[in-house]
Protein backbone atom coordinates (compact mmCIF):
# COMPACT_ATOMS: atom_id res chain seq x y z
CA UNK A 1 101.89 38.78 -84.74
CA UNK A 2 104.56 37.80 -82.27
CA UNK A 3 103.54 35.76 -79.27
CA UNK A 4 104.08 36.98 -75.74
CA UNK A 5 105.75 34.27 -73.67
CA UNK A 6 105.87 33.55 -69.97
CA UNK A 7 108.00 30.73 -68.65
CA UNK A 8 105.82 28.71 -66.34
CA UNK A 9 107.77 25.60 -65.34
CA UNK A 10 111.57 25.63 -65.17
CA UNK A 11 113.68 22.60 -66.09
CA UNK A 12 114.59 22.19 -62.41
CA UNK A 13 110.95 22.18 -61.33
CA UNK A 14 109.98 19.72 -64.08
CA UNK A 15 112.84 17.40 -63.13
CA UNK A 16 111.89 17.42 -59.44
CA UNK A 17 108.23 16.70 -60.23
CA UNK A 18 109.09 13.88 -62.62
CA UNK A 19 111.34 12.34 -59.97
CA UNK A 20 108.36 12.39 -57.55
CA UNK A 21 106.08 10.85 -60.18
CA UNK A 22 108.61 8.11 -60.88
CA UNK A 23 108.69 7.18 -57.19
CA UNK A 24 104.90 7.24 -56.96
CA UNK A 25 104.52 5.00 -60.03
CA UNK A 26 107.27 2.66 -58.82
CA UNK A 27 105.40 2.17 -55.52
CA UNK A 28 102.12 1.51 -57.34
CA UNK A 29 103.64 -1.22 -59.54
CA UNK A 30 106.19 -2.59 -57.07
CA UNK A 31 107.40 -6.02 -58.14
CA UNK A 32 105.22 -6.11 -61.26
CA UNK A 33 105.98 -5.52 -64.91
CA UNK A 34 104.25 -2.47 -66.36
CA UNK A 35 103.50 -2.08 -70.05
CA UNK A 36 103.88 1.59 -70.90
CA UNK A 37 102.00 2.98 -73.90
CA UNK A 38 103.56 6.27 -75.06
CA UNK A 39 101.74 8.68 -77.33
CA UNK A 40 104.28 9.80 -79.89
CA UNK A 41 104.83 13.33 -81.13
CA UNK A 42 103.92 14.90 -77.78
CA UNK A 43 104.72 12.36 -75.08
CA UNK A 44 108.21 11.17 -75.95
CA UNK A 45 110.29 13.62 -73.86
CA UNK A 46 108.04 13.22 -70.81
CA UNK A 47 108.08 9.44 -71.21
CA UNK A 48 111.87 9.22 -71.54
CA UNK A 49 112.49 11.28 -68.42
CA UNK A 50 109.73 9.63 -66.38
CA UNK A 51 110.73 6.07 -67.25
CA UNK A 52 114.31 6.70 -66.14
CA UNK A 53 112.79 7.39 -62.71
CA UNK A 54 110.59 4.26 -62.57
CA UNK A 55 112.34 1.36 -60.84
CA UNK A 56 110.20 -1.55 -61.92
CA UNK A 57 110.35 -3.69 -65.06
CA UNK A 58 108.86 -1.78 -67.98
CA UNK A 59 108.06 -2.65 -71.57
CA UNK A 60 107.40 0.27 -73.92
CA UNK A 61 104.85 0.44 -76.71
CA UNK A 62 104.45 3.48 -78.93
CA UNK A 63 101.26 4.69 -80.57
CA UNK A 64 100.87 7.55 -82.98
CA UNK A 65 97.61 9.42 -83.24
CA UNK A 66 96.16 10.89 -86.37
CA UNK A 67 93.34 13.40 -86.13
CA UNK A 68 91.14 13.94 -89.17
CA UNK A 69 88.32 16.40 -89.71
CA UNK A 70 85.48 14.55 -91.42
CA UNK A 71 82.39 16.17 -92.91
CA UNK A 72 79.20 14.23 -92.42
CA UNK A 73 76.32 15.97 -94.16
CA UNK A 74 76.18 19.54 -92.85
CA UNK A 75 78.15 18.66 -89.72
CA UNK A 76 81.88 18.45 -89.36
CA UNK A 77 83.40 16.16 -86.77
CA UNK A 78 86.87 15.17 -85.73
CA UNK A 79 87.98 11.53 -85.79
CA UNK A 80 90.99 10.14 -83.95
CA UNK A 81 92.92 7.15 -85.24
CA UNK A 82 95.79 5.36 -83.52
CA UNK A 83 98.50 3.20 -85.00
CA UNK A 84 98.67 -0.48 -84.10
CA UNK A 85 97.34 -1.52 -80.71
CA UNK A 86 99.64 -3.69 -78.57
CA UNK A 87 98.46 -6.97 -77.02
CA UNK A 88 97.89 -6.15 -73.34
CA UNK A 89 95.59 -8.89 -72.02
CA UNK A 90 96.18 -9.45 -68.31
CA UNK A 91 98.92 -6.81 -68.09
CA UNK A 92 99.33 -3.69 -65.99
CA UNK A 93 99.21 -0.78 -68.44
CA UNK A 94 100.25 2.84 -67.98
CA UNK A 95 99.48 5.32 -70.78
CA UNK A 96 101.81 8.34 -70.97
CA UNK A 97 100.85 11.57 -72.73
CA UNK A 98 102.20 15.08 -72.40
CA UNK A 99 98.99 17.14 -72.26
CA UNK A 100 95.41 16.36 -71.31
CA UNK A 101 93.01 19.14 -72.21
CA UNK A 102 89.54 18.05 -73.33
CA UNK A 103 90.33 14.43 -72.46
CA UNK A 104 88.56 13.15 -75.56
CA UNK A 105 91.68 11.72 -77.18
CA UNK A 106 92.89 10.03 -73.99
CA UNK A 107 89.44 8.62 -73.24
CA UNK A 108 89.25 7.16 -76.74
CA UNK A 109 92.71 5.59 -76.46
CA UNK A 110 91.95 4.16 -72.99
CA UNK A 111 88.69 2.61 -74.29
CA UNK A 112 90.55 1.05 -77.23
CA UNK A 113 93.27 -0.36 -74.95
CA UNK A 114 90.66 -1.67 -72.49
CA UNK A 115 89.25 -3.85 -75.27
CA UNK A 116 92.31 -6.10 -74.87
CA UNK A 117 91.39 -6.67 -71.19
CA UNK A 118 94.46 -5.46 -69.30
CA UNK A 119 94.79 -6.25 -65.58
CA UNK A 120 94.94 -2.51 -64.84
CA UNK A 121 94.87 0.62 -66.99
CA UNK A 122 96.13 3.99 -65.76
CA UNK A 123 96.94 7.37 -67.30
CA UNK A 124 99.83 9.75 -66.56
CA UNK A 125 100.20 13.19 -68.13
CA UNK A 126 102.75 15.93 -67.70
CA UNK A 127 100.27 18.80 -67.99
CA UNK A 128 96.64 18.43 -66.91
CA UNK A 129 94.68 21.36 -68.40
CA UNK A 130 91.45 21.14 -66.42
CA UNK A 131 89.55 24.17 -67.76
CA UNK A 132 88.62 22.59 -71.09
CA UNK A 133 87.74 19.06 -69.96
CA UNK A 134 84.83 17.68 -71.98
CA UNK A 135 84.72 14.13 -70.58
CA UNK A 136 84.59 12.66 -67.08
CA UNK A 137 88.21 11.53 -67.06
CA UNK A 138 91.01 12.49 -64.69
CA UNK A 139 94.59 11.27 -64.98
CA UNK A 140 95.84 8.87 -62.32
CA UNK A 141 99.14 10.76 -62.27
CA UNK A 142 99.98 14.27 -63.42
CA UNK A 143 103.01 16.51 -63.31
CA UNK A 144 101.24 19.85 -63.16
CA UNK A 145 97.65 21.08 -63.26
CA UNK A 146 96.65 24.35 -64.87
CA UNK A 147 93.43 26.16 -65.68
CA UNK A 148 95.15 27.84 -68.64
CA UNK A 149 93.49 27.49 -72.02
CA UNK A 150 96.64 28.67 -73.79
CA UNK A 151 99.04 26.57 -75.83
CA UNK A 152 102.18 25.31 -74.05
CA UNK A 153 105.53 24.73 -75.74
CA UNK A 154 108.86 23.20 -74.86
CA UNK A 155 109.71 19.92 -73.16
CA UNK A 156 108.57 17.97 -76.23
CA UNK A 157 105.62 20.20 -77.15
CA UNK A 158 105.85 22.12 -80.42
CA UNK A 159 104.58 25.58 -81.17
CA UNK A 160 102.20 26.29 -84.07
CA UNK A 161 105.14 26.07 -86.54
CA UNK A 162 106.32 22.70 -85.18
CA UNK A 163 109.29 24.33 -83.46
CA UNK A 164 110.60 24.69 -79.88
CA UNK A 165 110.14 21.05 -78.77
CA UNK A 166 113.74 21.05 -77.56
CA UNK A 167 113.30 23.82 -74.99
CA UNK A 168 114.03 22.44 -71.54
CA UNK A 169 111.25 24.28 -69.69
CA UNK A 170 107.52 24.54 -70.35
CA UNK A 171 106.33 27.90 -71.62
CA UNK A 172 102.76 29.13 -71.87
CA UNK A 173 102.00 30.99 -75.09
CA UNK A 174 99.82 34.03 -74.46
CA UNK A 175 98.65 34.28 -78.08
CA UNK A 176 98.87 31.99 -81.07
CA UNK A 177 97.08 31.53 -84.37
CA UNK A 178 93.86 29.64 -83.48
CA UNK A 179 93.94 27.55 -86.63
CA UNK A 180 97.34 26.07 -85.79
CA UNK A 181 96.95 24.94 -82.17
CA UNK A 182 98.99 21.76 -82.49
CA UNK A 183 99.04 20.44 -78.90
CA UNK A 184 95.36 20.69 -78.04
CA UNK A 185 93.98 17.21 -77.22
């Protein structure tokens, strides 16, 4: 089955919004170092472009998430694991991720990072998908908000086959194989 595609955010629009976000974040952290925690696989393109627009001292840390389906008795549940956690005690921390949908993964990561007692802890996402939120968490900064429950590809986000990350715009997929929704967090 071939997917129907509709381009939703052009490269020009993404660039303009990221420039605005960079200015907003620069004002918030003016004169202070910010430790940026980037979620790999999905957040790297967004992070690279955003950080070039932030004019305050930044130190980057990279975490990789691993999601596992675990069966516990008759119930199946999903567990999220992250690679090594950086030392952030007393620091201003900004977490960057590409997509926030249910919010469960971001909430878990923020709780884990909060254990090291940072001075401040904020979240920035490129795409805030509000319709599927399952936790009481809102990003401090977002590029775009959408009520779409569809998969998005391009600008660092892969399709169900792991392709199309290098597309410059963001495209909403109208249909995709449910079992392979790779950017749903």
